[in-house]
PDB file of N, CA and C in Angstrom:
ATOM      1  N   MET A   1       0.819  -1.192   0.000  1.00  0.00           N
ATOM      2  CA  MET A   1       0.000   0.000   0.000  1.00  0.00           C
ATOM      3  C   MET A   1       0.866   1.260   0.000  1.00  0.00           C
ATOM      4  N   ALA A   2       1.910   1.263   0.825  1.00  0.00           N
ATOM      5  CA  ALA A   2       2.786   2.430   0.896  1.00  0.00           C
ATOM      6  C   ALA A   2       3.483   2.663  -0.444  1.00  0.00           C
ATOM      7  N   TYR A   3       3.882   1.583  -1.107  1.00  0.00           N
ATOM      8  CA  TYR A   3       4.532   1.720  -2.409  1.00  0.00           C
ATOM      9  C   TYR A   3       3.580   2.344  -3.430  1.00  0.00           C
ATOM     10  N   ALA A   4       2.325   1.959  -3.407  1.00  0.00           N
ATOM     11  CA  ALA A   4       1.343   2.526  -4.338  1.00  0.00           C
ATOM     12  C   ALA A   4       1.154   4.016  -4.083  1.00  0.00           C
ATOM     13  N   VAL A   5       1.130   4.422  -2.814  1.00  0.00           N
ATOM     14  CA  VAL A   5       0.980   5.837  -2.479  1.00  0.00           C
ATOM     15  C   VAL A   5       2.212   6.624  -2.936  1.00  0.00           C
ATOM     16  N   LEU A   6       3.400   6.079  -2.715  1.00  0.00           N
ATOM     17  CA  LEU A   6       4.620   6.747  -3.172  1.00  0.00           C
ATOM     18  C   LEU A   6       4.674   6.843  -4.693  1.00  0.00           C
ATOM     19  N   LEU A   7       4.266   5.798  -5.367  1.00  0.00           N
ATOM     20  CA  LEU A   7       4.239   5.801  -6.825  1.00  0.00           C
ATOM     21  C   LEU A   7       3.236   6.829  -7.350  1.00  0.00           C
ATOM     22  N   ALA A   8       2.062   6.904  -6.746  1.00  0.00           N
ATOM     23  CA  ALA A   8       1.055   7.892  -7.147  1.00  0.00           C
ATOM     24  C   ALA A   8       1.562   9.311  -6.884  1.00  0.00           C
ATOM     25  N   GLY A   9       2.225   9.530  -5.764  1.00  0.00           N
ATOM     26  CA  GLY A   9       2.771  10.844  -5.451  1.00  0.00           C
ATOM     27  C   GLY A   9       3.835  11.265  -6.450  1.00  0.00           C
ATOM     28  N   GLY A  10       4.718  10.360  -6.802  1.00  0.00           N
ATOM     29  CA  GLY A  10       5.749  10.669  -7.789  1.00  0.00           C
ATOM     30  C   GLY A  10       5.151  10.939  -9.164  1.00  0.00           C
ATOM     31  N   GLY A  11       4.149  10.162  -9.523  1.00  0.00           N
ATOM     32  CA  GLY A  11       3.497  10.364 -10.827  1.00  0.00           C
ATOM     33  C   GLY A  11       2.774  11.690 -10.911  1.00  0.00           C
ATOM     34  N   THR A  12       2.032  12.055  -9.877  1.00  0.00           N
ATOM     35  CA  THR A  12       1.329  13.344  -9.908  1.00  0.00           C
ATOM     36  C   THR A  12       2.319  14.499  -9.855  1.00  0.00           C
ATOM     37  N   HIS A  13       3.436  14.314  -9.169  1.00  0.00           N
ATOM     38  CA  HIS A  13       4.461  15.351  -9.133  1.00  0.00           C
ATOM     39  C   HIS A  13       5.015  15.616 -10.535  1.00  0.00           C
ATOM     40  N   LEU A  14       5.301  14.558 -11.277  1.00  0.00           N
ATOM     41  CA  LEU A  14       5.801  14.741 -12.644  1.00  0.00           C
ATOM     42  C   LEU A  14       4.746  15.367 -13.550  1.00  0.00           C
ATOM     43  N   VAL A  15       3.492  14.950 -13.411  1.00  0.00           N
ATOM     44  CA  VAL A  15       2.417  15.503 -14.244  1.00  0.00           C
ATOM     45  C   VAL A  15       2.252  16.994 -13.971  1.00  0.00           C
ATOM     46  N   LEU A  16       2.279  17.396 -12.712  1.00  0.00           N
ATOM     47  CA  LEU A  16       2.125  18.810 -12.388  1.00  0.00           C
ATOM     48  C   LEU A  16       3.357  19.618 -12.788  1.00  0.00           C
ATOM     49  N   ASP A  17       4.539  19.040 -12.687  1.00  0.00           N
ATOM     50  CA  ASP A  17       5.747  19.756 -13.095  1.00  0.00           C
ATOM     51  C   ASP A  17       5.800  19.984 -14.598  1.00  0.00           C
ATOM     52  N   VAL A  18       5.228  19.075 -15.382  1.00  0.00           N
ATOM     53  CA  VAL A  18       5.274  19.250 -16.833  1.00  0.00           C
ATOM     54  C   VAL A  18       4.387  20.410 -17.271  1.00  0.00           C
ATOM     55  N   MET A  19       3.454  20.852 -16.410  1.00  0.00           N
ATOM     56  CA  MET A  19       2.586  21.967 -16.781  1.00  0.00           C
ATOM     57  C   MET A  19       3.196  23.332 -16.480  1.00  0.00           C
ATOM     58  N   ARG A  20       4.307  23.361 -15.747  1.00  0.00           N
ATOM     59  CA  ARG A  20       4.967  24.647 -15.488  1.00  0.00           C
ATOM     60  C   ARG A  20       5.720  25.073 -16.727  1.00  0.00           C
ATOM     61  N   THR A  21       5.628  26.331 -17.058  1.00  0.00           N
ATOM     62  CA  THR A  21       6.323  26.823 -18.239  1.00  0.00           C
ATOM     63  C   THR A  21       7.212  27.999 -17.878  1.00  0.00           C
ATOM     64  N   TYR A  22       8.234  28.175 -18.636  1.00  0.00           N
ATOM     65  CA  TYR A  22       9.146  29.292 -18.460  1.00  0.00           C
ATOM     66  C   TYR A  22       8.948  30.254 -19.617  1.00  0.00           C
ATOM     67  N   VAL A  23       9.731  31.295 -19.675  1.00  0.00           N
ATOM     68  CA  VAL A  23       9.547  32.345 -20.661  1.00  0.00           C
ATOM     69  C   VAL A  23       9.594  31.805 -22.090  1.00  0.00           C
ATOM     70  N   ASP A  24      10.388  30.803 -22.332  1.00  0.00           N
ATOM     71  CA  ASP A  24      10.515  30.263 -23.692  1.00  0.00           C
ATOM     72  C   ASP A  24       9.387  29.300 -24.064  1.00  0.00           C
ATOM     73  N   GLY A  25       8.452  29.002 -23.135  1.00  0.00           N
ATOM     74  CA  GLY A  25       7.302  28.158 -23.457  1.00  0.00           C
ATOM     75  C   GLY A  25       7.511  26.679 -23.240  1.00  0.00           C
ATOM     76  N   TYR A  26       8.617  26.301 -22.627  1.00  0.00           N
ATOM     77  CA  TYR A  26       8.892  24.895 -22.391  1.00  0.00           C
ATOM     78  C   TYR A  26       8.990  24.620 -20.896  1.00  0.00           C
ATOM     79  N   ALA A  27       8.802  23.361 -20.522  1.00  0.00           N
ATOM     80  CA  ALA A  27       8.913  22.956 -19.125  1.00  0.00           C
ATOM     81  C   ALA A  27      10.383  22.852 -18.744  1.00  0.00           C
ATOM     82  N   GLY A  28      10.631  22.574 -17.471  1.00  0.00           N
ATOM     83  CA  GLY A  28      11.999  22.370 -17.012  1.00  0.00           C
ATOM     84  C   GLY A  28      12.520  21.011 -17.460  1.00  0.00           C
ATOM     85  N   PHE A  29      13.716  20.675 -17.001  1.00  0.00           N
ATOM     86  CA  PHE A  29      14.326  19.400 -17.358  1.00  0.00           C
ATOM     87  C   PHE A  29      13.737  18.313 -16.475  1.00  0.00           C
ATOM     88  N   LEU A  30      12.755  17.585 -16.986  1.00  0.00           N
ATOM     89  CA  LEU A  30      12.065  16.574 -16.188  1.00  0.00           C
ATOM     90  C   LEU A  30      12.858  15.282 -16.092  1.00  0.00           C
ATOM     91  N   LEU A  31      13.449  14.882 -17.170  1.00  0.00           N
ATOM     92  CA  LEU A  31      14.277  13.674 -17.197  1.00  0.00           C
ATOM     93  C   LEU A  31      15.720  14.144 -17.270  1.00  0.00           C
ATOM     94  N   TYR A  32      16.281  14.544 -16.132  1.00  0.00           N
ATOM     95  CA  TYR A  32      17.493  15.349 -16.065  1.00  0.00           C
ATOM     96  C   TYR A  32      18.655  14.882 -16.936  1.00  0.00           C
ATOM     97  N   PRO A  33      19.068  13.648 -16.924  1.00  0.00           N
ATOM     98  CA  PRO A  33      20.223  13.329 -17.770  1.00  0.00           C
ATOM     99  C   PRO A  33      19.941  13.561 -19.255  1.00  0.00           C
ATOM    100  N   LEU A  34      18.687  13.472 -19.644  1.00  0.00           N
ATOM    101  CA  LEU A  34      18.325  13.785 -21.029  1.00  0.00           C
ATOM    102  C   LEU A  34      17.982  15.266 -21.077  1.00  0.00           C
ATOM    103  N   TRP A  35      18.642  16.015 -21.893  1.00  0.00           N
ATOM    104  CA  TRP A  35      18.445  17.470 -21.938  1.00  0.00           C
ATOM    105  C   TRP A  35      17.276  17.814 -22.831  1.00  0.00           C
ATOM    106  N   TRP A  36      16.122  17.223 -22.543  1.00  0.00           N
ATOM    107  CA  TRP A  36      14.898  17.445 -23.315  1.00  0.00           C
ATOM    108  C   TRP A  36      13.919  18.231 -22.476  1.00  0.00           C
ATOM    109  N   ARG A  37      13.365  19.291 -23.034  1.00  0.00           N
ATOM    110  CA  ARG A  37      12.378  20.115 -22.339  1.00  0.00           C
ATOM    111  C   ARG A  37      11.093  20.087 -23.152  1.00  0.00           C
ATOM    112  N   PRO A  38      10.042  19.413 -22.659  1.00  0.00           N
ATOM    113  CA  PRO A  38       8.803  19.295 -23.431  1.00  0.00           C
ATOM    114  C   PRO A  38       8.014  20.607 -23.436  1.00  0.00           C
ATOM    115  N   PRO A  39       7.216  20.840 -24.496  1.00  0.00           N
ATOM    116  CA  PRO A  39       6.297  21.981 -24.469  1.00  0.00           C
ATOM    117  C   PRO A  39       5.249  21.764 -23.383  1.00  0.00           C
ATOM    118  N   THR A  40       4.625  22.830 -22.935  1.00  0.00           N
ATOM    119  CA  THR A  40       3.746  22.740 -21.780  1.00  0.00           C
ATOM    120  C   THR A  40       2.483  23.568 -21.980  1.00  0.00           C
ATOM    121  N   PRO A  41       1.388  23.250 -21.263  1.00  0.00           N
ATOM    122  CA  PRO A  41       0.136  23.987 -21.442  1.00  0.00           C
ATOM    123  C   PRO A  41       0.036  25.288 -20.633  1.00  0.00           C
ATOM    124  N   SER A  42       1.128  25.931 -20.350  1.00  0.00           N
ATOM    125  CA  SER A  42       1.162  27.324 -19.901  1.00  0.00           C
ATOM    126  C   SER A  42       0.702  27.611 -18.484  1.00  0.00           C
ATOM    127  N   LEU A  43       1.234  26.944 -17.494  1.00  0.00           N
ATOM    128  CA  LEU A  43       1.133  27.415 -16.121  1.00  0.00           C
ATOM    129  C   LEU A  43       2.437  28.163 -15.876  1.00  0.00           C
ATOM    130  N   TYR A  44       2.416  29.463 -16.071  1.00  0.00           N
ATOM    131  CA  TYR A  44       3.625  30.269 -16.135  1.00  0.00           C
ATOM    132  C   TYR A  44       4.281  30.406 -14.768  1.00  0.00           C
ATOM    133  N   VAL A  45       5.590  30.196 -14.702  1.00  0.00           N
ATOM    134  CA  VAL A  45       6.360  30.383 -13.486  1.00  0.00           C
ATOM    135  C   VAL A  45       6.680  31.867 -13.387  1.00  0.00           C
ATOM    136  N   SER A  46       6.261  32.484 -12.306  1.00  0.00           N
ATOM    137  CA  SER A  46       6.413  33.922 -12.163  1.00  0.00           C
ATOM    138  C   SER A  46       7.012  34.256 -10.807  1.00  0.00           C
ATOM    139  N   ALA A  47       7.733  35.362 -10.741  1.00  0.00           N
ATOM    140  CA  ALA A  47       8.271  35.844  -9.474  1.00  0.00           C
ATOM    141  C   ALA A  47       7.355  36.908  -8.870  1.00  0.00           C
ATOM    142  N   ASP A  48       6.236  37.177  -9.522  1.00  0.00           N
ATOM    143  CA  ASP A  48       5.309  38.185  -9.025  1.00  0.00           C
ATOM    144  C   ASP A  48       4.641  37.681  -7.753  1.00  0.00           C
ATOM    145  N   ARG A  49       4.657  38.481  -6.684  1.00  0.00           N
ATOM    146  CA  ARG A  49       4.121  38.026  -5.409  1.00  0.00           C
ATOM    147  C   ARG A  49       2.664  38.399  -5.199  1.00  0.00           C
ATOM    148  N   TRP A  50       2.068  39.202  -6.056  1.00  0.00           N
ATOM    149  CA  TRP A  50       0.693  39.656  -5.817  1.00  0.00           C
ATOM    150  C   TRP A  50      -0.390  38.625  -6.119  1.00  0.00           C
ATOM    151  N   PRO A  51      -0.276  37.761  -7.101  1.00  0.00           N
ATOM    152  CA  PRO A  51      -1.323  36.741  -7.289  1.00  0.00           C
ATOM    153  C   PRO A  51      -1.522  35.831  -6.077  1.00  0.00           C
ATOM    154  N   PRO A  52      -0.461  35.323  -5.432  1.00  0.00           N
ATOM    155  CA  PRO A  52      -0.715  34.506  -4.240  1.00  0.00           C
ATOM    156  C   PRO A  52      -1.296  35.312  -3.085  1.00  0.00           C
ATOM    157  N   VAL A  53      -0.887  36.564  -2.955  1.00  0.00           N
ATOM    158  CA  VAL A  53      -1.449  37.406  -1.890  1.00  0.00           C
ATOM    159  C   VAL A  53      -2.940  37.598  -2.121  1.00  0.00           C
ATOM    160  N   LEU A  54      -3.319  37.886  -3.361  1.00  0.00           N
ATOM    161  CA  LEU A  54      -4.726  38.040  -3.692  1.00  0.00           C
ATOM    162  C   LEU A  54      -5.491  36.740  -3.451  1.00  0.00           C
ATOM    163  N   ALA A  55      -4.903  35.608  -3.822  1.00  0.00           N
ATOM    164  CA  ALA A  55      -5.559  34.316  -3.609  1.00  0.00           C
ATOM    165  C   ALA A  55      -5.763  34.036  -2.122  1.00  0.00           C
ATOM    166  N   ILE A  56      -4.781  34.387  -1.292  1.00  0.00           N
ATOM    167  CA  ILE A  56      -4.917  34.178   0.154  1.00  0.00           C
ATOM    168  C   ILE A  56      -6.010  35.076   0.723  1.00  0.00           C
ATOM    169  N   VAL A  57      -6.075  36.326   0.276  1.00  0.00           N
ATOM    170  CA  VAL A  57      -7.111  37.242   0.764  1.00  0.00           C
ATOM    171  C   VAL A  57      -8.500  36.741   0.372  1.00  0.00           C
ATOM    172  N   VAL A  58      -8.666  36.332  -0.876  1.00  0.00           N
ATOM    173  CA  VAL A  58      -9.972  35.842  -1.340  1.00  0.00           C
ATOM    174  C   VAL A  58     -10.347  34.554  -0.610  1.00  0.00           C
ATOM    175  N   ALA A  59      -9.388  33.632  -0.444  1.00  0.00           N
ATOM    176  CA  ALA A  59      -9.676  32.382   0.266  1.00  0.00           C
ATOM    177  C   ALA A  59     -10.038  32.649   1.723  1.00  0.00           C
ATOM    178  N   SER A  60      -9.349  33.591   2.352  1.00  0.00           N
ATOM    179  CA  SER A  60      -9.671  33.937   3.739  1.00  0.00           C
ATOM    180  C   SER A  60     -11.062  34.545   3.848  1.00  0.00           C
ATOM    181  N   LEU A  61     -11.412  35.396   2.900  1.00  0.00           N
ATOM    182  CA  LEU A  61     -12.742  36.002   2.890  1.00  0.00           C
ATOM    183  C   LEU A  61     -13.828  34.936   2.709  1.00  0.00           C
ATOM    184  N   VAL A  62     -13.610  34.028   1.787  1.00  0.00           N
ATOM    185  CA  VAL A  62     -14.582  32.948   1.567  1.00  0.00           C
ATOM    186  C   VAL A  62     -14.685  32.070   2.805  1.00  0.00           C
ATOM    187  N   TYR A  63     -13.568  31.761   3.418  1.00  0.00           N
ATOM    188  CA  TYR A  63     -13.584  30.948   4.646  1.00  0.00           C
ATOM    189  C   TYR A  63     -14.343  31.651   5.756  1.00  0.00           C
ATOM    190  N   TYR A  64     -14.073  32.937   5.938  1.00  0.00           N
ATOM    191  CA  TYR A  64     -14.759  33.709   6.982  1.00  0.00           C
ATOM    192  C   TYR A  64     -16.266  33.760   6.728  1.00  0.00           C
ATOM    193  N   LEU A  65     -16.652  34.038   5.491  1.00  0.00           N
ATOM    194  CA  LEU A  65     -18.087  34.117   5.177  1.00  0.00           C
ATOM    195  C   LEU A  65     -18.775  32.766   5.334  1.00  0.00           C
ATOM    196  N   ASP A  66     -18.073  31.705   4.981  1.00  0.00           N
ATOM    197  CA  ASP A  66     -18.648  30.369   5.131  1.00  0.00           C
ATOM    198  C   ASP A  66     -18.806  30.006   6.611  1.00  0.00           C
ATOM    199  N   ALA A  67     -17.818  30.368   7.420  1.00  0.00           N
ATOM    200  CA  ALA A  67     -17.888  30.064   8.854  1.00  0.00           C
ATOM    201  C   ALA A  67     -18.959  30.916   9.526  1.00  0.00           C
ATOM    202  N   GLU A  68     -19.141  32.139   9.057  1.00  0.00           N
ATOM    203  CA  GLU A  68     -20.106  33.049   9.651  1.00  0.00           C
ATOM    204  C   GLU A  68     -21.545  32.664   9.294  1.00  0.00           C
ATOM    205  N   TRP A  69     -21.771  32.303   8.038  1.00  0.00           N
ATOM    206  CA  TRP A  69     -23.138  32.039   7.564  1.00  0.00           C
ATOM    207  C   TRP A  69     -23.430  30.566   7.345  1.00  0.00           C
ATOM    208  N   GLY A  70     -22.418  29.731   7.431  1.00  0.00           N
ATOM    209  CA  GLY A  70     -22.614  28.323   7.122  1.00  0.00           C
ATOM    210  C   GLY A  70     -22.859  27.534   8.320  1.00  0.00           C
TER     211      GLY A  70
END
């Protein structure tokens, strides 16, 4: 059972990593010894800090409203 959970975790990690894209439109080096970078469906890697701040504020507001009225 533990092996299946570890295998599923590794598989989902690779699937999610392949969706990250850099400025050139390709993913990072997923299979490191092979210098191949696959194209990706555009989850852009950004250093901008405001989208996560906005997401935390909105999530906190939704949580508060749900706890208050739910």
